[in-house]
N, C-alpha and C. Protein backbone atom coordinates (compact mmCIF):
# COMPACT_ATOMS: atom_id res chain seq x y z
N MET A 1 -12.60 -25.56 -186.85
CA MET A 1 -13.06 -25.00 -187.44
C MET A 1 -13.80 -25.87 -188.39
N LYS A 2 -15.30 -25.79 -188.66
CA LYS A 2 -16.00 -26.35 -189.58
C LYS A 2 -16.46 -25.81 -190.43
N LEU A 3 -15.81 -25.99 -191.85
CA LEU A 3 -16.44 -25.50 -193.19
C LEU A 3 -17.65 -26.10 -193.94
N VAL A 4 -18.67 -25.72 -194.42
CA VAL A 4 -19.71 -26.29 -195.46
C VAL A 4 -19.93 -25.27 -196.32
N ASN A 5 -20.32 -25.80 -197.71
CA ASN A 5 -20.97 -25.05 -198.67
C ASN A 5 -22.36 -25.07 -198.76
N THR A 6 -22.88 -25.40 -197.41
CA THR A 6 -24.62 -25.16 -197.85
C THR A 6 -24.54 -23.93 -196.50
N ASP A 7 -25.88 -23.39 -196.64
CA ASP A 7 -26.43 -22.20 -195.52
C ASP A 7 -26.92 -22.79 -194.40
N TYR A 8 -26.94 -24.04 -194.12
CA TYR A 8 -27.35 -24.52 -192.74
C TYR A 8 -26.82 -25.66 -192.57
N LEU A 9 -26.54 -26.26 -191.44
CA LEU A 9 -26.54 -27.73 -191.07
C LEU A 9 -27.56 -28.57 -190.34
N PRO A 10 -28.58 -29.14 -191.01
CA PRO A 10 -29.42 -30.02 -190.29
C PRO A 10 -29.32 -30.07 -189.19
N GLY A 11 -30.19 -29.81 -187.91
CA GLY A 11 -30.39 -30.13 -186.64
C GLY A 11 -29.56 -29.14 -185.86
N GLU A 12 -28.71 -28.33 -186.43
CA GLU A 12 -27.73 -27.48 -185.33
C GLU A 12 -28.37 -25.93 -185.64
N ASP A 13 -28.13 -24.95 -184.87
CA ASP A 13 -28.71 -23.90 -184.59
C ASP A 13 -27.43 -23.26 -184.21
N PHE A 14 -27.63 -21.84 -185.14
CA PHE A 14 -26.37 -20.86 -185.28
C PHE A 14 -26.58 -19.30 -184.99
N THR A 15 -25.65 -18.86 -184.48
CA THR A 15 -25.98 -17.36 -184.20
C THR A 15 -24.89 -16.87 -185.64
N PHE A 16 -25.39 -16.34 -186.67
CA PHE A 16 -24.41 -15.59 -187.66
C PHE A 16 -23.54 -14.29 -187.02
N LEU A 17 -22.22 -14.66 -187.52
CA LEU A 17 -21.55 -13.47 -187.29
C LEU A 17 -21.09 -12.33 -188.09
N GLY A 18 -21.10 -12.92 -189.20
CA GLY A 18 -21.02 -11.82 -190.56
C GLY A 18 -19.81 -12.68 -191.49
N LEU A 19 -19.94 -11.71 -192.76
CA LEU A 19 -19.05 -12.24 -193.40
C LEU A 19 -17.31 -12.41 -193.15
N VAL A 20 -16.84 -13.09 -193.83
CA VAL A 20 -15.82 -13.58 -193.58
C VAL A 20 -14.85 -13.60 -194.82
N ARG A 21 -13.44 -13.69 -195.10
CA ARG A 21 -12.87 -13.73 -196.60
C ARG A 21 -11.28 -13.88 -196.32
N GLY A 22 -10.92 -14.70 -197.39
CA GLY A 22 -9.64 -14.66 -197.35
C GLY A 22 -8.87 -14.74 -198.91
N SER A 23 -7.94 -14.50 -199.21
CA SER A 23 -7.41 -14.26 -200.52
C SER A 23 -6.04 -14.68 -200.75
N CYS A 24 -5.47 -14.87 -201.95
CA CYS A 24 -3.75 -15.41 -202.07
C CYS A 24 -3.85 -15.18 -203.45
N ILE A 25 -2.85 -14.43 -203.41
CA ILE A 25 -2.15 -14.37 -205.28
C ILE A 25 -1.48 -15.14 -205.78
N VAL A 26 -1.36 -15.75 -207.09
CA VAL A 26 -0.74 -17.00 -207.44
C VAL A 26 -0.12 -16.72 -208.57
N SER A 27 1.10 -16.77 -208.71
CA SER A 27 2.01 -16.44 -210.44
C SER A 27 2.38 -17.82 -210.77
N HIS A 28 3.09 -17.47 -212.06
CA HIS A 28 4.03 -18.81 -212.50
C HIS A 28 4.67 -18.13 -213.61
N LYS A 29 5.67 -18.58 -213.85
CA LYS A 29 6.78 -17.99 -214.91
C LYS A 29 6.37 -18.60 -216.00
N GLU A 30 6.42 -18.12 -217.20
CA GLU A 30 6.53 -18.92 -218.31
C GLU A 30 7.46 -19.62 -218.95
N GLY A 31 7.87 -20.55 -219.82
CA GLY A 31 8.98 -21.19 -220.48
C GLY A 31 9.19 -22.71 -219.98
N ALA A 32 8.31 -23.23 -218.72
CA ALA A 32 8.16 -24.55 -218.89
C ALA A 32 7.56 -25.46 -219.94
N ASN A 33 7.88 -26.69 -220.08
CA ASN A 33 7.03 -27.27 -220.89
C ASN A 33 5.40 -27.48 -220.43
N LYS A 34 4.68 -28.03 -221.20
CA LYS A 34 3.00 -28.17 -220.49
C LYS A 34 2.95 -29.00 -219.60
N GLU A 35 3.66 -29.81 -219.56
CA GLU A 35 3.06 -30.57 -218.24
C GLU A 35 3.77 -30.19 -217.52
N THR A 36 5.00 -29.97 -217.11
CA THR A 36 5.38 -29.13 -216.09
C THR A 36 4.58 -28.13 -215.46
N ALA A 37 4.59 -27.49 -216.47
CA ALA A 37 3.83 -26.16 -216.15
C ALA A 37 2.37 -26.75 -215.30
N SER A 38 1.58 -27.71 -215.85
CA SER A 38 0.31 -27.94 -215.58
C SER A 38 0.31 -28.51 -214.20
N LYS A 39 1.18 -29.31 -213.84
CA LYS A 39 1.60 -30.02 -212.64
C LYS A 39 1.83 -28.82 -211.34
N LEU A 40 2.81 -28.14 -211.71
CA LEU A 40 3.15 -26.99 -210.93
C LEU A 40 2.07 -25.79 -210.71
N CYS A 41 1.15 -25.76 -212.10
CA CYS A 41 -0.24 -24.57 -211.52
C CYS A 41 -0.91 -25.35 -210.70
N GLY A 42 -1.08 -27.05 -210.87
CA GLY A 42 -1.94 -27.31 -209.79
C GLY A 42 -1.52 -27.19 -208.28
N GLN A 43 -0.33 -27.68 -208.23
CA GLN A 43 0.42 -27.57 -206.65
C GLN A 43 0.30 -26.22 -206.29
N MET A 44 0.48 -25.25 -207.10
CA MET A 44 0.28 -23.70 -206.52
C MET A 44 -1.22 -23.22 -206.10
N LEU A 45 -1.86 -23.32 -207.28
CA LEU A 45 -3.49 -23.42 -206.79
C LEU A 45 -4.16 -24.20 -205.72
N ALA A 46 -3.31 -25.23 -205.37
CA ALA A 46 -3.91 -25.79 -204.10
C ALA A 46 -3.12 -25.40 -203.09
N GLU A 47 -2.16 -24.68 -202.96
CA GLU A 47 -1.79 -24.33 -202.02
C GLU A 47 -1.94 -22.53 -201.59
N ALA A 48 -2.47 -22.46 -202.55
CA ALA A 48 -3.09 -21.03 -202.68
C ALA A 48 -4.58 -21.05 -202.06
N ARG A 49 -5.63 -21.91 -202.40
CA ARG A 49 -6.45 -22.16 -201.67
C ARG A 49 -6.23 -22.46 -200.27
N ALA A 50 -5.29 -23.28 -199.69
CA ALA A 50 -5.13 -23.34 -198.36
C ALA A 50 -4.78 -22.44 -197.79
N THR A 51 -4.18 -21.35 -198.37
CA THR A 51 -3.38 -20.42 -197.99
C THR A 51 -5.00 -18.94 -197.45
N ALA A 52 -5.79 -19.07 -198.71
CA ALA A 52 -6.78 -18.09 -198.69
C ALA A 52 -7.98 -18.77 -197.51
N CYS A 53 -8.01 -20.42 -197.58
CA CYS A 53 -8.80 -20.87 -196.50
C CYS A 53 -8.47 -20.73 -195.19
N LYS A 54 -6.54 -20.53 -194.81
CA LYS A 54 -6.43 -20.16 -193.36
C LYS A 54 -6.62 -18.98 -193.02
N ARG A 55 -6.55 -17.73 -194.09
CA ARG A 55 -6.88 -16.53 -193.96
C ARG A 55 -8.38 -16.35 -193.43
N MET A 56 -9.47 -16.99 -193.97
CA MET A 56 -10.58 -16.94 -193.67
C MET A 56 -10.54 -16.91 -192.44
N ILE A 57 -10.02 -18.46 -192.30
CA ILE A 57 -10.46 -19.15 -190.72
C ILE A 57 -10.02 -18.18 -189.41
N THR A 58 -8.66 -17.50 -189.80
CA THR A 58 -8.46 -16.65 -188.81
C THR A 58 -9.04 -15.10 -188.46
N GLU A 59 -9.57 -14.82 -189.53
CA GLU A 59 -10.89 -13.79 -189.13
C GLU A 59 -12.23 -14.35 -189.00
N ALA A 60 -12.56 -15.08 -189.30
CA ALA A 60 -13.91 -16.15 -188.54
C ALA A 60 -13.57 -16.11 -187.11
N GLU A 61 -12.26 -16.70 -186.80
CA GLU A 61 -11.62 -16.99 -185.13
C GLU A 61 -11.81 -15.96 -184.66
N ALA A 62 -11.44 -14.60 -185.21
CA ALA A 62 -11.39 -13.45 -184.32
C ALA A 62 -12.77 -12.90 -183.82
N LEU A 63 -13.75 -13.32 -184.77
CA LEU A 63 -14.93 -13.20 -184.49
C LEU A 63 -15.68 -14.24 -183.34
N GLY A 64 -15.26 -15.37 -183.04
CA GLY A 64 -15.52 -16.07 -182.03
C GLY A 64 -16.44 -17.27 -182.74
N ALA A 65 -16.02 -17.41 -183.78
CA ALA A 65 -16.86 -18.19 -184.98
C ALA A 65 -16.34 -19.81 -184.57
N ASP A 66 -17.17 -20.91 -184.61
CA ASP A 66 -16.75 -22.27 -184.77
C ASP A 66 -16.82 -22.95 -185.99
N THR A 67 -17.38 -22.35 -186.64
CA THR A 67 -18.23 -22.87 -188.29
C THR A 67 -18.07 -21.71 -188.90
N ILE A 68 -18.12 -22.11 -190.57
CA ILE A 68 -18.15 -20.85 -191.46
C ILE A 68 -19.10 -21.81 -192.46
N VAL A 69 -20.28 -21.31 -192.83
CA VAL A 69 -21.07 -21.55 -193.75
C VAL A 69 -20.86 -21.02 -194.77
N ASN A 70 -21.88 -21.65 -196.04
CA ASN A 70 -21.95 -21.22 -197.24
C ASN A 70 -20.75 -20.85 -197.96
N VAL A 71 -19.66 -21.52 -197.59
CA VAL A 71 -18.37 -21.11 -198.28
C VAL A 71 -18.14 -21.08 -199.92
N ARG A 72 -17.99 -20.25 -200.23
CA ARG A 72 -17.72 -20.35 -201.85
C ARG A 72 -16.46 -19.63 -202.21
N PHE A 73 -15.54 -20.19 -203.45
CA PHE A 73 -14.18 -19.72 -203.98
C PHE A 73 -14.52 -18.95 -205.18
N LEU A 74 -13.86 -17.97 -205.38
CA LEU A 74 -13.82 -17.72 -206.91
C LEU A 74 -12.33 -17.41 -207.21
N VAL A 75 -11.72 -17.68 -208.52
CA VAL A 75 -10.67 -17.19 -209.25
C VAL A 75 -10.56 -16.28 -210.11
N ASN A 76 -10.04 -15.20 -209.96
CA ASN A 76 -9.75 -13.78 -210.98
C ASN A 76 -8.50 -13.55 -211.25
N ARG A 77 -8.55 -13.80 -212.66
CA ARG A 77 -7.36 -13.56 -213.40
C ARG A 77 -7.08 -12.35 -213.38
N ILE A 78 -6.00 -12.29 -212.93
CA ILE A 78 -5.17 -11.27 -212.79
C ILE A 78 -4.28 -10.25 -214.11
N THR A 79 -3.26 -11.43 -214.58
CA THR A 79 -2.95 -11.06 -215.82
C THR A 79 -2.77 -12.50 -216.47
N GLU A 80 -2.02 -12.69 -217.71
CA GLU A 80 -1.91 -13.96 -218.34
C GLU A 80 -1.36 -15.04 -217.35
N ASN A 81 -0.46 -14.85 -216.52
CA ASN A 81 0.35 -15.73 -215.57
C ASN A 81 -0.01 -15.28 -214.27
N ALA A 82 -0.89 -14.49 -213.51
CA ALA A 82 -1.57 -14.55 -212.26
C ALA A 82 -3.05 -14.56 -212.04
N ALA A 83 -3.23 -15.03 -210.94
CA ALA A 83 -4.81 -14.93 -210.35
C ALA A 83 -4.61 -14.73 -208.73
N GLU A 84 -5.67 -14.58 -208.79
CA GLU A 84 -6.52 -14.65 -207.17
C GLU A 84 -7.08 -15.36 -206.77
N ILE A 85 -6.79 -16.16 -206.11
CA ILE A 85 -8.37 -17.12 -205.20
C ILE A 85 -8.45 -16.72 -204.01
N PHE A 86 -9.92 -16.38 -204.08
CA PHE A 86 -10.69 -15.56 -202.93
C PHE A 86 -11.71 -16.70 -202.42
N VAL A 87 -11.79 -16.46 -201.35
CA VAL A 87 -12.60 -17.51 -200.32
C VAL A 87 -13.68 -16.58 -199.62
N TYR A 88 -14.69 -16.90 -199.35
CA TYR A 88 -15.59 -16.27 -198.68
C TYR A 88 -16.86 -17.26 -197.95
N GLY A 89 -17.34 -16.64 -197.12
CA GLY A 89 -18.47 -17.40 -196.14
C GLY A 89 -18.80 -16.77 -195.46
N THR A 90 -19.79 -17.18 -194.22
CA THR A 90 -20.72 -16.65 -193.14
C THR A 90 -20.01 -17.45 -192.15
N ALA A 91 -19.37 -16.52 -191.35
CA ALA A 91 -18.63 -16.98 -189.83
C ALA A 91 -20.46 -17.03 -189.01
N ALA A 92 -20.21 -18.45 -188.21
CA ALA A 92 -21.13 -18.50 -187.49
C ALA A 92 -20.63 -19.78 -186.29
N GLN A 93 -21.69 -19.37 -184.92
CA GLN A 93 -21.16 -19.81 -183.70
C GLN A 93 -22.55 -20.68 -183.65
N LYS A 94 -21.97 -21.95 -182.89
CA LYS A 94 -23.07 -22.94 -182.57
C LYS A 94 -23.65 -22.60 -181.40
N ASN A 95 -25.02 -22.63 -181.54
CA ASN A 95 -25.62 -22.07 -180.15
C ASN A 95 -25.73 -23.43 -179.16
N ASN A 96 -25.60 -23.09 -177.95
CA ASN A 96 -25.93 -24.47 -176.99
C ASN A 96 -27.12 -24.62 -176.74
N SER A 97 -27.82 -25.94 -176.95
CA SER A 97 -29.23 -26.29 -176.82
C SER A 97 -29.48 -26.73 -175.39
């Protein structure tokens, strides 16, 4: 599966299949020192982004897509210690020329 943050690929022709999305909630406990908390937070966010992408890809594959264009990430703070990582894009299937 190819993921791109542009709405097209030069020289490629696609059939657009629809919006696909994935999300993941990440939270952390208070009490760690700042250096440890920062490192853990970075790792947790990277894992959450990967999980959200996998969920989006699964949705796109179910539509028959081989590419997702115009991919965007959002982070929504839910509480002081929790956030939702949300990724979305347009599922597309490359047309054979």
